[in-house]
Amino acid sequence: MRSADEQIPQHEPVFQISIVSRMIGLHQQTIRSYERVGLVKPFRTGGNTRLYSQADVERLRTVTRLVNDLGVNLAGVDVIIRMTRQIEELQQQLKKVSKELRSAENRLEVIEKDSTS
């Protein structure tokens, strides 16, 4: 059992649709329609109950902002979310490659220093 001060992992499905509806201020039918078009994929229990993670809630908040504040249609929201995910993945890859490059440069400096000594 978790202690009270321990955080719930971002992707752990813990919220029922009624709770998510209140957290975000969306009607349950709207959340279900977003699921039907693939914008959110809640976990399903053995009894077919939808359970949403904190990451799902944040995604629904993003969808709501894009639709309500910016007037983006659901197809546009899907494109924006996919592109955002791709950008984040590319940034992580770039960070890894940059770290590897710095390491290689440091090794090369050591080799060059040793060869001139």
PDB file of N, CA and C in Angstrom:
ATOM      1  N   MET A   1       0.835  -1.187   0.000  1.00  0.00           N
ATOM      2  CA  MET A   1       0.000   0.000   0.000  1.00  0.00           C
ATOM      3  C   MET A   1       0.877   1.247   0.000  1.00  0.00           C
ATOM      4  N   ARG A   2       0.454   2.257  -0.709  1.00  0.00           N
ATOM      5  CA  ARG A   2       1.214   3.511  -0.804  1.00  0.00           C
ATOM      6  C   ARG A   2       0.978   4.377   0.429  1.00  0.00           C
ATOM      7  N   SER A   3       2.024   5.117   0.766  1.00  0.00           N
ATOM      8  CA  SER A   3       1.848   6.105   1.822  1.00  0.00           C
ATOM      9  C   SER A   3       1.138   7.318   1.231  1.00  0.00           C
ATOM     10  N   ALA A   4       0.569   8.144   2.066  1.00  0.00           N
ATOM     11  CA  ALA A   4      -0.227   9.288   1.610  1.00  0.00           C
ATOM     12  C   ALA A   4       0.593  10.285   0.808  1.00  0.00           C
ATOM     13  N   ASP A   5       1.893  10.395   1.087  1.00  0.00           N
ATOM     14  CA  ASP A   5       2.707  11.386   0.393  1.00  0.00           C
ATOM     15  C   ASP A   5       3.312  10.855  -0.903  1.00  0.00           C
ATOM     16  N   GLU A   6       3.109   9.589  -1.210  1.00  0.00           N
ATOM     17  CA  GLU A   6       3.635   8.999  -2.438  1.00  0.00           C
ATOM     18  C   GLU A   6       2.731   9.347  -3.614  1.00  0.00           C
ATOM     19  N   GLN A   7       3.320   9.772  -4.722  1.00  0.00           N
ATOM     20  CA  GLN A   7       2.534  10.157  -5.886  1.00  0.00           C
ATOM     21  C   GLN A   7       2.112   8.937  -6.687  1.00  0.00           C
ATOM     22  N   ILE A   8       0.957   9.049  -7.324  1.00  0.00           N
ATOM     23  CA  ILE A   8       0.473   8.003  -8.212  1.00  0.00           C
ATOM     24  C   ILE A   8       1.217   8.155  -9.531  1.00  0.00           C
ATOM     25  N   PRO A   9       1.733   7.058 -10.085  1.00  0.00           N
ATOM     26  CA  PRO A   9       2.413   7.155 -11.376  1.00  0.00           C
ATOM     27  C   PRO A   9       1.514   7.763 -12.442  1.00  0.00           C
ATOM     28  N   GLN A  10       2.121   8.528 -13.338  1.00  0.00           N
ATOM     29  CA  GLN A  10       1.418   9.293 -14.370  1.00  0.00           C
ATOM     30  C   GLN A  10       0.501   8.431 -15.231  1.00  0.00           C
ATOM     31  N   HIS A  11       0.882   7.178 -15.497  1.00  0.00           N
ATOM     32  CA  HIS A  11       0.120   6.341 -16.421  1.00  0.00           C
ATOM     33  C   HIS A  11      -0.718   5.267 -15.715  1.00  0.00           C
ATOM     34  N   GLU A  12      -0.802   5.319 -14.395  1.00  0.00           N
ATOM     35  CA  GLU A  12      -1.604   4.337 -13.673  1.00  0.00           C
ATOM     36  C   GLU A  12      -3.085   4.685 -13.770  1.00  0.00           C
ATOM     37  N   PRO A  13      -3.912   3.761 -14.286  1.00  0.00           N
ATOM     38  CA  PRO A  13      -5.344   4.045 -14.434  1.00  0.00           C
ATOM     39  C   PRO A  13      -6.058   3.988 -13.079  1.00  0.00           C
ATOM     40  N   VAL A  14      -6.562   5.141 -12.637  1.00  0.00           N
ATOM     41  CA  VAL A  14      -7.169   5.195 -11.308  1.00  0.00           C
ATOM     42  C   VAL A  14      -8.501   5.941 -11.233  1.00  0.00           C
ATOM     43  N   PHE A  15      -8.812   6.769 -12.234  1.00  0.00           N
ATOM     44  CA  PHE A  15     -10.002   7.618 -12.159  1.00  0.00           C
ATOM     45  C   PHE A  15     -11.133   7.059 -13.016  1.00  0.00           C
ATOM     46  N   GLN A  16     -12.319   6.976 -12.427  1.00  0.00           N
ATOM     47  CA  GLN A  16     -13.500   6.598 -13.210  1.00  0.00           C
ATOM     48  C   GLN A  16     -13.962   7.809 -14.009  1.00  0.00           C
ATOM     49  N   ILE A  17     -14.755   7.554 -15.041  1.00  0.00           N
ATOM     50  CA  ILE A  17     -15.181   8.610 -15.951  1.00  0.00           C
ATOM     51  C   ILE A  17     -15.944   9.719 -15.231  1.00  0.00           C
ATOM     52  N   SER A  18     -16.711   9.372 -14.200  1.00  0.00           N
ATOM     53  CA  SER A  18     -17.462  10.399 -13.470  1.00  0.00           C
ATOM     54  C   SER A  18     -16.516  11.370 -12.766  1.00  0.00           C
ATOM     55  N   ILE A  19     -15.417  10.871 -12.251  1.00  0.00           N
ATOM     56  CA  ILE A  19     -14.426  11.714 -11.569  1.00  0.00           C
ATOM     57  C   ILE A  19     -13.709  12.595 -12.597  1.00  0.00           C
ATOM     58  N   VAL A  20     -13.314  11.986 -13.714  1.00  0.00           N
ATOM     59  CA  VAL A  20     -12.627  12.733 -14.774  1.00  0.00           C
ATOM     60  C   VAL A  20     -13.536  13.849 -15.292  1.00  0.00           C
ATOM     61  N   SER A  21     -14.801  13.532 -15.455  1.00  0.00           N
ATOM     62  CA  SER A  21     -15.773  14.511 -15.922  1.00  0.00           C
ATOM     63  C   SER A  21     -15.799  15.732 -15.006  1.00  0.00           C
ATOM     64  N   ARG A  22     -15.787  15.496 -13.716  1.00  0.00           N
ATOM     65  CA  ARG A  22     -15.791  16.616 -12.753  1.00  0.00           C
ATOM     66  C   ARG A  22     -14.450  17.341 -12.727  1.00  0.00           C
ATOM     67  N   MET A  23     -13.354  16.587 -12.867  1.00  0.00           N
ATOM     68  CA  MET A  23     -12.026  17.202 -12.828  1.00  0.00           C
ATOM     69  C   MET A  23     -11.836  18.182 -13.982  1.00  0.00           C
ATOM     70  N   ILE A  24     -12.337  17.817 -15.154  1.00  0.00           N
ATOM     71  CA  ILE A  24     -12.100  18.607 -16.356  1.00  0.00           C
ATOM     72  C   ILE A  24     -13.251  19.534 -16.688  1.00  0.00           C
ATOM     73  N   GLY A  25     -14.440  19.179 -16.231  1.00  0.00           N
ATOM     74  CA  GLY A  25     -15.612  19.976 -16.567  1.00  0.00           C
ATOM     75  C   GLY A  25     -16.195  19.603 -17.919  1.00  0.00           C
ATOM     76  N   LEU A  26     -16.036  18.346 -18.292  1.00  0.00           N
ATOM     77  CA  LEU A  26     -16.601  17.834 -19.537  1.00  0.00           C
ATOM     78  C   LEU A  26     -17.717  16.853 -19.220  1.00  0.00           C
ATOM     79  N   HIS A  27     -18.714  16.801 -20.076  1.00  0.00           N
ATOM     80  CA  HIS A  27     -19.770  15.810 -19.928  1.00  0.00           C
ATOM     81  C   HIS A  27     -19.192  14.431 -20.231  1.00  0.00           C
ATOM     82  N   GLN A  28     -19.688  13.414 -19.554  1.00  0.00           N
ATOM     83  CA  GLN A  28     -19.191  12.059 -19.779  1.00  0.00           C
ATOM     84  C   GLN A  28     -19.349  11.626 -21.236  1.00  0.00           C
ATOM     85  N   GLN A  29     -20.425  12.045 -21.882  1.00  0.00           N
ATOM     86  CA  GLN A  29     -20.632  11.689 -23.292  1.00  0.00           C
ATOM     87  C   GLN A  29     -19.554  12.310 -24.185  1.00  0.00           C
ATOM     88  N   THR A  30     -19.119  13.504 -23.831  1.00  0.00           N
ATOM     89  CA  THR A  30     -18.042  14.149 -24.596  1.00  0.00           C
ATOM     90  C   THR A  30     -16.761  13.349 -24.456  1.00  0.00           C
ATOM     91  N   ILE A  31     -16.463  12.903 -23.251  1.00  0.00           N
ATOM     92  CA  ILE A  31     -15.262  12.087 -23.018  1.00  0.00           C
ATOM     93  C   ILE A  31     -15.365  10.788 -23.810  1.00  0.00           C
ATOM     94  N   ARG A  32     -16.543  10.174 -23.796  1.00  0.00           N
ATOM     95  CA  ARG A  32     -16.738   8.939 -24.566  1.00  0.00           C
ATOM     96  C   ARG A  32     -16.574   9.192 -26.070  1.00  0.00           C
ATOM     97  N   SER A  33     -17.047  10.335 -26.546  1.00  0.00           N
ATOM     98  CA  SER A  33     -16.892  10.644 -27.978  1.00  0.00           C
ATOM     99  C   SER A  33     -15.421  10.847 -28.323  1.00  0.00           C
ATOM    100  N   TYR A  34     -14.653  11.453 -27.423  1.00  0.00           N
ATOM    101  CA  TYR A  34     -13.218  11.606 -27.649  1.00  0.00           C
ATOM    102  C   TYR A  34     -12.545  10.230 -27.683  1.00  0.00           C
ATOM    103  N   GLU A  35     -13.040   9.313 -26.871  1.00  0.00           N
ATOM    104  CA  GLU A  35     -12.508   7.947 -26.902  1.00  0.00           C
ATOM    105  C   GLU A  35     -12.842   7.284 -28.245  1.00  0.00           C
ATOM    106  N   ARG A  36     -14.061   7.454 -28.721  1.00  0.00           N
ATOM    107  CA  ARG A  36     -14.475   6.836 -29.988  1.00  0.00           C
ATOM    108  C   ARG A  36     -13.604   7.282 -31.166  1.00  0.00           C
ATOM    109  N   VAL A  37     -13.179   8.538 -31.168  1.00  0.00           N
ATOM    110  CA  VAL A  37     -12.335   9.017 -32.270  1.00  0.00           C
ATOM    111  C   VAL A  37     -10.845   8.794 -32.001  1.00  0.00           C
ATOM    112  N   GLY A  38     -10.516   8.183 -30.868  1.00  0.00           N
ATOM    113  CA  GLY A  38      -9.139   7.788 -30.592  1.00  0.00           C
ATOM    114  C   GLY A  38      -8.263   8.822 -29.917  1.00  0.00           C
ATOM    115  N   LEU A  39      -8.860   9.879 -29.383  1.00  0.00           N
ATOM    116  CA  LEU A  39      -8.049  10.914 -28.731  1.00  0.00           C
ATOM    117  C   LEU A  39      -7.605  10.507 -27.327  1.00  0.00           C
ATOM    118  N   VAL A  40      -8.305   9.570 -26.735  1.00  0.00           N
ATOM    119  CA  VAL A  40      -7.937   9.047 -25.422  1.00  0.00           C
ATOM    120  C   VAL A  40      -8.298   7.571 -25.408  1.00  0.00           C
ATOM    121  N   LYS A  41      -7.466   6.778 -24.726  1.00  0.00           N
ATOM    122  CA  LYS A  41      -7.701   5.334 -24.665  1.00  0.00           C
ATOM    123  C   LYS A  41      -7.616   4.883 -23.214  1.00  0.00           C
ATOM    124  N   PRO A  42      -8.722   4.961 -22.492  1.00  0.00           N
ATOM    125  CA  PRO A  42      -8.681   4.557 -21.083  1.00  0.00           C
ATOM    126  C   PRO A  42      -8.486   3.057 -20.934  1.00  0.00           C
ATOM    127  N   PHE A  43      -7.970   2.682 -19.797  1.00  0.00           N
ATOM    128  CA  PHE A  43      -7.849   1.276 -19.437  1.00  0.00           C
ATOM    129  C   PHE A  43      -9.253   0.736 -19.176  1.00  0.00           C
ATOM    130  N   ARG A  44      -9.493  -0.512 -19.529  1.00  0.00           N
ATOM    131  CA  ARG A  44     -10.786  -1.152 -19.247  1.00  0.00           C
ATOM    132  C   ARG A  44     -10.559  -2.274 -18.248  1.00  0.00           C
ATOM    133  N   THR A  45     -11.385  -2.279 -17.195  1.00  0.00           N
ATOM    134  CA  THR A  45     -11.315  -3.353 -16.207  1.00  0.00           C
ATOM    135  C   THR A  45     -11.987  -4.597 -16.778  1.00  0.00           C
ATOM    136  N   GLY A  46     -11.925  -5.695 -16.044  1.00  0.00           N
ATOM    137  CA  GLY A  46     -12.594  -6.917 -16.457  1.00  0.00           C
ATOM    138  C   GLY A  46     -14.091  -6.717 -16.632  1.00  0.00           C
ATOM    139  N   GLY A  47     -14.672  -5.801 -15.855  1.00  0.00           N
ATOM    140  CA  GLY A  47     -16.092  -5.488 -15.958  1.00  0.00           C
ATOM    141  C   GLY A  47     -16.374  -4.393 -16.976  1.00  0.00           C
ATOM    142  N   ASN A  48     -15.364  -4.030 -17.769  1.00  0.00           N
ATOM    143  CA  ASN A  48     -15.464  -3.040 -18.846  1.00  0.00           C
ATOM    144  C   ASN A  48     -15.612  -1.598 -18.345  1.00  0.00           C
ATOM    145  N   THR A  49     -15.254  -1.339 -17.103  1.00  0.00           N
ATOM    146  CA  THR A  49     -15.272   0.017 -16.569  1.00  0.00           C
ATOM    147  C   THR A  49     -14.055   0.777 -17.087  1.00  0.00           C
ATOM    148  N   ARG A  50     -14.284   2.014 -17.520  1.00  0.00           N
ATOM    149  CA  ARG A  50     -13.177   2.851 -17.982  1.00  0.00           C
ATOM    150  C   ARG A  50     -12.428   3.397 -16.766  1.00  0.00           C
ATOM    151  N   LEU A  51     -11.107   3.300 -16.814  1.00  0.00           N
ATOM    152  CA  LEU A  51     -10.266   3.926 -15.795  1.00  0.00           C
ATOM    153  C   LEU A  51      -9.237   4.786 -16.506  1.00  0.00           C
ATOM    154  N   TYR A  52      -9.128   6.033 -16.061  1.00  0.00           N
ATOM    155  CA  TYR A  52      -8.242   7.005 -16.682  1.00  0.00           C
ATOM    156  C   TYR A  52      -7.050   7.280 -15.773  1.00  0.00           C
ATOM    157  N   SER A  53      -5.902   7.488 -16.387  1.00  0.00           N
ATOM    158  CA  SER A  53      -4.695   7.858 -15.652  1.00  0.00           C
ATOM    159  C   SER A  53      -4.582   9.379 -15.609  1.00  0.00           C
ATOM    160  N   GLN A  54      -3.627   9.868 -14.849  1.00  0.00           N
ATOM    161  CA  GLN A  54      -3.364  11.304 -14.816  1.00  0.00           C
ATOM    162  C   GLN A  54      -2.939  11.788 -16.200  1.00  0.00           C
ATOM    163  N   ALA A  55      -2.189  10.963 -16.925  1.00  0.00           N
ATOM    164  CA  ALA A  55      -1.785  11.322 -18.289  1.00  0.00           C
ATOM    165  C   ALA A  55      -3.014  11.453 -19.198  1.00  0.00           C
ATOM    166  N   ASP A  56      -3.996  10.560 -19.025  1.00  0.00           N
ATOM    167  CA  ASP A  56      -5.242  10.660 -19.798  1.00  0.00           C
ATOM    168  C   ASP A  56      -5.976  11.958 -19.479  1.00  0.00           C
ATOM    169  N   VAL A  57      -6.010  12.310 -18.207  1.00  0.00           N
ATOM    170  CA  VAL A  57      -6.691  13.542 -17.778  1.00  0.00           C
ATOM    171  C   VAL A  57      -6.000  14.752 -18.414  1.00  0.00           C
ATOM    172  N   GLU A  58      -4.672  14.761 -18.408  1.00  0.00           N
ATOM    173  CA  GLU A  58      -3.942  15.878 -19.016  1.00  0.00           C
ATOM    174  C   GLU A  58      -4.197  15.941 -20.520  1.00  0.00           C
ATOM    175  N   ARG A  59      -4.262  14.794 -21.154  1.00  0.00           N
ATOM    176  CA  ARG A  59      -4.548  14.764 -22.590  1.00  0.00           C
ATOM    177  C   ARG A  59      -5.940  15.331 -22.852  1.00  0.00           C
ATOM    178  N   LEU A  60      -6.923  14.954 -22.039  1.00  0.00           N
ATOM    179  CA  LEU A  60      -8.277  15.483 -22.198  1.00  0.00           C
ATOM    180  C   LEU A  60      -8.310  16.992 -21.966  1.00  0.00           C
ATOM    181  N   ARG A  61      -7.520  17.473 -21.026  1.00  0.00           N
ATOM    182  CA  ARG A  61      -7.432  18.929 -20.802  1.00  0.00           C
ATOM    183  C   ARG A  61      -6.861  19.616 -22.045  1.00  0.00           C
ATOM    184  N   THR A  62      -5.855  19.004 -22.649  1.00  0.00           N
ATOM    185  CA  THR A  62      -5.264  19.550 -23.870  1.00  0.00           C
ATOM    186  C   THR A  62      -6.300  19.582 -24.986  1.00  0.00           C
ATOM    187  N   VAL A  63      -7.023  18.484 -25.157  1.00  0.00           N
ATOM    188  CA  VAL A  63      -8.064  18.418 -26.185  1.00  0.00           C
ATOM    189  C   VAL A  63      -9.083  19.522 -25.957  1.00  0.00           C
ATOM    190  N   THR A  64      -9.510  19.687 -24.717  1.00  0.00           N
ATOM    191  CA  THR A  64     -10.512  20.704 -24.377  1.00  0.00           C
ATOM    192  C   THR A  64     -10.008  22.101 -24.702  1.00  0.00           C
ATOM    193  N   ARG A  65      -8.745  22.396 -24.361  1.00  0.00           N
ATOM    194  CA  ARG A  65      -8.164  23.715 -24.670  1.00  0.00           C
ATOM    195  C   ARG A  65      -8.111  23.948 -26.171  1.00  0.00           C
ATOM    196  N   LEU A  66      -7.660  22.944 -26.905  1.00  0.00           N
ATOM    197  CA  LEU A  66      -7.551  23.102 -28.357  1.00  0.00           C
ATOM    198  C   LEU A  66      -8.917  23.321 -29.007  1.00  0.00           C
ATOM    199  N   VAL A  67      -9.911  22.569 -28.558  1.00  0.00           N
ATOM    200  CA  VAL A  67     -11.247  22.679 -29.146  1.00  0.00           C
ATOM    201  C   VAL A  67     -11.932  23.970 -28.720  1.00  0.00           C
ATOM    202  N   ASN A  68     -11.969  24.227 -27.420  1.00  0.00           N
ATOM    203  CA  ASN A  68     -12.732  25.373 -26.901  1.00  0.00           C
ATOM    204  C   ASN A  68     -12.021  26.711 -27.063  1.00  0.00           C
ATOM    205  N   ASP A  69     -10.729  26.742 -26.784  1.00  0.00           N
ATOM    206  CA  ASP A  69     -10.009  28.015 -26.805  1.00  0.00           C
ATOM    207  C   ASP A  69      -9.492  28.385 -28.191  1.00  0.00           C
ATOM    208  N   LEU A  70      -9.109  27.376 -28.978  1.00  0.00           N
ATOM    209  CA  LEU A  70      -8.502  27.666 -30.275  1.00  0.00           C
ATOM    210  C   LEU A  70      -9.389  27.291 -31.460  1.00  0.00           C
ATOM    211  N   GLY A  71     -10.497  26.631 -31.195  1.00  0.00           N
ATOM    212  CA  GLY A  71     -11.424  26.276 -32.265  1.00  0.00           C
ATOM    213  C   GLY A  71     -10.928  25.205 -33.208  1.00  0.00           C
ATOM    214  N   VAL A  72     -10.007  24.365 -32.734  1.00  0.00           N
ATOM    215  CA  VAL A  72      -9.467  23.292 -33.564  1.00  0.00           C
ATOM    216  C   VAL A  72     -10.483  22.153 -33.611  1.00  0.00           C
ATOM    217  N   ASN A  73     -10.698  21.573 -34.806  1.00  0.00           N
ATOM    218  CA  ASN A  73     -11.607  20.425 -34.885  1.00  0.00           C
ATOM    219  C   ASN A  73     -10.884  19.172 -34.397  1.00  0.00           C
ATOM    220  N   LEU A  74     -11.628  18.073 -34.203  1.00  0.00           N
ATOM    221  CA  LEU A  74     -11.046  16.875 -33.600  1.00  0.00           C
ATOM    222  C   LEU A  74      -9.961  16.250 -34.470  1.00  0.00           C
ATOM    223  N   ALA A  75     -10.103  16.322 -35.785  1.00  0.00           N
ATOM    224  CA  ALA A  75      -9.046  15.804 -36.663  1.00  0.00           C
ATOM    225  C   ALA A  75      -7.765  16.621 -36.473  1.00  0.00           C
ATOM    226  N   GLY A  76      -7.903  17.929 -36.340  1.00  0.00           N
ATOM    227  CA  GLY A  76      -6.758  18.796 -36.091  1.00  0.00           C
ATOM    228  C   GLY A  76      -6.126  18.518 -34.744  1.00  0.00           C
ATOM    229  N   VAL A  77      -6.962  18.265 -33.746  1.00  0.00           N
ATOM    230  CA  VAL A  77      -6.457  17.933 -32.409  1.00  0.00           C
ATOM    231  C   VAL A  77      -5.608  16.668 -32.487  1.00  0.00           C
ATOM    232  N   ASP A  78      -6.098  15.675 -33.213  1.00  0.00           N
ATOM    233  CA  ASP A  78      -5.359  14.415 -33.355  1.00  0.00           C
ATOM    234  C   ASP A  78      -3.993  14.666 -33.990  1.00  0.00           C
ATOM    235  N   VAL A  79      -3.949  15.471 -35.034  1.00  0.00           N
ATOM    236  CA  VAL A  79      -2.681  15.792 -35.709  1.00  0.00           C
ATOM    237  C   VAL A  79      -1.742  16.524 -34.749  1.00  0.00           C
ATOM    238  N   ILE A  80      -2.259  17.496 -34.025  1.00  0.00           N
ATOM    239  CA  ILE A  80      -1.436  18.269 -33.083  1.00  0.00           C
ATOM    240  C   ILE A  80      -0.857  17.365 -32.006  1.00  0.00           C
ATOM    241  N   ILE A  81      -1.675  16.482 -31.457  1.00  0.00           N
ATOM    242  CA  ILE A  81      -1.208  15.579 -30.397  1.00  0.00           C
ATOM    243  C   ILE A  81      -0.140  14.628 -30.931  1.00  0.00           C
ATOM    244  N   ARG A  82      -0.363  14.068 -32.114  1.00  0.00           N
ATOM    245  CA  ARG A  82       0.630  13.158 -32.707  1.00  0.00           C
ATOM    246  C   ARG A  82       1.950  13.887 -32.996  1.00  0.00           C
ATOM    247  N   MET A  83       1.854  15.091 -33.552  1.00  0.00           N
ATOM    248  CA  MET A  83       3.071  15.842 -33.861  1.00  0.00           C
ATOM    249  C   MET A  83       3.808  16.248 -32.589  1.00  0.00           C
ATOM    250  N   THR A  84       3.076  16.615 -31.567  1.00  0.00           N
ATOM    251  CA  THR A  84       3.694  16.965 -30.286  1.00  0.00           C
ATOM    252  C   THR A  84       4.453  15.770 -29.722  1.00  0.00           C
ATOM    253  N   ARG A  85       3.838  14.589 -29.787  1.00  0.00           N
ATOM    254  CA  ARG A  85       4.494  13.375 -29.298  1.00  0.00           C
ATOM    255  C   ARG A  85       5.764  13.088 -30.108  1.00  0.00           C
ATOM    256  N   GLN A  86       5.687  13.252 -31.442  1.00  0.00           N
ATOM    257  CA  GLN A  86       6.863  13.031 -32.283  1.00  0.00           C
ATOM    258  C   GLN A  86       7.974  14.011 -31.954  1.00  0.00           C
ATOM    259  N   ILE A  87       7.619  15.262 -31.734  1.00  0.00           N
ATOM    260  CA  ILE A  87       8.618  16.273 -31.376  1.00  0.00           C
ATOM    261  C   ILE A  87       9.289  15.910 -30.060  1.00  0.00           C
ATOM    262  N   GLU A  88       8.504  15.486 -29.081  1.00  0.00           N
ATOM    263  CA  GLU A  88       9.072  15.103 -27.779  1.00  0.00           C
ATOM    264  C   GLU A  88      10.022  13.920 -27.931  1.00  0.00           C
ATOM    265  N   GLU A  89       9.636  12.935 -28.748  1.00  0.00           N
ATOM    266  CA  GLU A  89      10.507  11.781 -28.977  1.00  0.00           C
ATOM    267  C   GLU A  89      11.800  12.209 -29.669  1.00  0.00           C
ATOM    268  N   LEU A  90      11.687  13.086 -30.663  1.00  0.00           N
ATOM    269  CA  LEU A  90      12.881  13.571 -31.366  1.00  0.00           C
ATOM    270  C   LEU A  90      13.788  14.370 -30.437  1.00  0.00           C
ATOM    271  N   GLN A  91      13.187  15.157 -29.536  1.00  0.00           N
ATOM    272  CA  GLN A  91      13.996  15.914 -28.578  1.00  0.00           C
ATOM    273  C   GLN A  91      14.770  14.978 -27.659  1.00  0.00           C
ATOM    274  N   GLN A  92      14.126  13.875 -27.242  1.00  0.00           N
ATOM    275  CA  GLN A  92      14.815  12.898 -26.397  1.00  0.00           C
ATOM    276  C   GLN A  92      15.963  12.234 -27.154  1.00  0.00           C
ATOM    277  N   GLN A  93      15.712  11.890 -28.424  1.00  0.00           N
ATOM    278  CA  GLN A  93      16.778  11.296 -29.244  1.00  0.00           C
ATOM    279  C   GLN A  93      17.927  12.275 -29.436  1.00  0.00           C
ATOM    280  N   LEU A  94      17.603  13.541 -29.692  1.00  0.00           N
ATOM    281  CA  LEU A  94      18.628  14.564 -29.872  1.00  0.00           C
ATOM    282  C   LEU A  94      19.460  14.725 -28.600  1.00  0.00           C
ATOM    283  N   LYS A  95      18.797  14.714 -27.468  1.00  0.00           N
ATOM    284  CA  LYS A  95      19.504  14.831 -26.190  1.00  0.00           C
ATOM    285  C   LYS A  95      20.471  13.666 -26.004  1.00  0.00           C
ATOM    286  N   LYS A  96      20.027  12.454 -26.344  1.00  0.00           N
ATOM    287  CA  LYS A  96      20.874  11.266 -26.207  1.00  0.00           C
ATOM    288  C   LYS A  96      22.068  11.344 -27.158  1.00  0.00           C
ATOM    289  N   VAL A  97      21.826  11.707 -28.411  1.00  0.00           N
ATOM    290  CA  VAL A  97      22.903  11.796 -29.399  1.00  0.00           C
ATOM    291  C   VAL A  97      23.889  12.903 -29.013  1.00  0.00           C
ATOM    292  N   SER A  98      23.389  14.020 -28.502  1.00  0.00           N
ATOM    293  CA  SER A  98      24.271  15.114 -28.074  1.00  0.00           C
ATOM    294  C   SER A  98      25.175  14.661 -26.937  1.00  0.00           C
ATOM    295  N   LYS A  99      24.621  13.898 -26.019  1.00  0.00           N
ATOM    296  CA  LYS A  99      25.413  13.385 -24.895  1.00  0.00           C
ATOM    297  C   LYS A  99      26.488  12.431 -25.408  1.00  0.00           C
ATOM    298  N   GLU A 100      26.102  11.560 -26.348  1.00  0.00           N
ATOM    299  CA  GLU A 100      27.078  10.630 -26.929  1.00  0.00           C
ATOM    300  C   GLU A 100      28.172  11.381 -27.679  1.00  0.00           C
ATOM    301  N   LEU A 101      27.799  12.445 -28.389  1.00  0.00           N
ATOM    302  CA  LEU A 101      28.775  13.250 -29.130  1.00  0.00           C
ATOM    303  C   LEU A 101      29.759  13.916 -28.167  1.00  0.00           C
ATOM    304  N   ARG A 102      29.252  14.492 -27.093  1.00  0.00           N
ATOM    305  CA  ARG A 102      30.141  15.125 -26.101  1.00  0.00           C
ATOM    306  C   ARG A 102      31.108  14.101 -25.514  1.00  0.00           C
ATOM    307  N   SER A 103      30.606  12.908 -25.243  1.00  0.00           N
ATOM    308  CA  SER A 103      31.457  11.857 -24.700  1.00  0.00           C
ATOM    309  C   SER A 103      32.551  11.472 -25.699  1.00  0.00           C
ATOM    310  N   ALA A 104      32.180  11.341 -26.967  1.00  0.00           N
ATOM    311  CA  ALA A 104      33.157  10.998 -28.008  1.00  0.00           C
ATOM    312  C   ALA A 104      34.183  12.118 -28.166  1.00  0.00           C
ATOM    313  N   GLU A 105      33.732  13.364 -28.119  1.00  0.00           N
ATOM    314  CA  GLU A 105      34.657  14.497 -28.224  1.00  0.00           C
ATOM    315  C   GLU A 105      35.642  14.494 -27.067  1.00  0.00           C
ATOM    316  N   ASN A 106      35.153  14.193 -25.863  1.00  0.00           N
ATOM    317  CA  ASN A 106      36.034  14.140 -24.690  1.00  0.00           C
ATOM    318  C   ASN A 106      37.068  13.030 -24.840  1.00  0.00           C
ATOM    319  N   ARG A 107      36.638  11.859 -25.334  1.00  0.00           N
ATOM    320  CA  ARG A 107      37.589  10.758 -25.545  1.00  0.00           C
ATOM    321  C   ARG A 107      38.622  11.132 -26.600  1.00  0.00           C
ATOM    322  N   LEU A 108      38.176  11.803 -27.660  1.00  0.00           N
ATOM    323  CA  LEU A 108      39.091  12.231 -28.720  1.00  0.00           C
ATOM    324  C   LEU A 108      40.114  13.223 -28.184  1.00  0.00           C
ATOM    325  N   GLU A 109      39.687  14.135 -27.333  1.00  0.00           N
ATOM    326  CA  GLU A 109      40.620  15.093 -26.729  1.00  0.00           C
ATOM    327  C   GLU A 109      41.677  14.381 -25.919  1.00  0.00           C
ATOM    328  N   VAL A 110      41.284  13.365 -25.163  1.00  0.00           N
ATOM    329  CA  VAL A 110      42.218  12.606 -24.347  1.00  0.00           C
ATOM    330  C   VAL A 110      43.219  11.875 -25.238  1.00  0.00           C
ATOM    331  N   ILE A 111      42.715  11.287 -26.320  1.00  0.00           N
ATOM    332  CA  ILE A 111      43.596  10.559 -27.259  1.00  0.00           C
ATOM    333  C   ILE A 111      44.577  11.523 -27.898  1.00  0.00           C
ATOM    334  N   GLU A 112      44.104  12.685 -28.349  1.00  0.00           N
ATOM    335  CA  GLU A 112      44.981  13.669 -28.991  1.00  0.00           C
ATOM    336  C   GLU A 112      46.020  14.199 -28.006  1.00  0.00           C
ATOM    337  N   LYS A 113      45.600  14.390 -26.770  1.00  0.00           N
ATOM    338  CA  LYS A 113      46.515  14.888 -25.743  1.00  0.00           C
ATOM    339  C   LYS A 113      47.601  13.857 -25.476  1.00  0.00           C
ATOM    340  N   ASP A 114      47.200  12.580 -25.378  1.00  0.00           N
ATOM    341  CA  ASP A 114      48.173  11.502 -25.121  1.00  0.00           C
ATOM    342  C   ASP A 114      49.152  11.338 -26.290  1.00  0.00           C
ATOM    343  N   SER A 115      48.673  11.539 -27.509  1.00  0.00           N
ATOM    344  CA  SER A 115      49.548  11.326 -28.686  1.00  0.00           C
ATOM    345  C   SER A 115      50.545  12.466 -28.855  1.00  0.00           C
ATOM    346  N   THR A 116      50.260  13.641 -28.324  1.00  0.00           N
ATOM    347  CA  THR A 116      51.196  14.781 -28.440  1.00  0.00           C
ATOM    348  C   THR A 116      52.183  14.808 -27.276  1.00  0.00           C
ATOM    349  N   SER A 117      51.952  13.982 -26.278  1.00  0.00           N
ATOM    350  CA  SER A 117      52.850  13.984 -25.109  1.00  0.00           C
ATOM    351  C   SER A 117      54.073  13.144 -25.333  1.00  0.00           C
TER     352      SER A 117
END
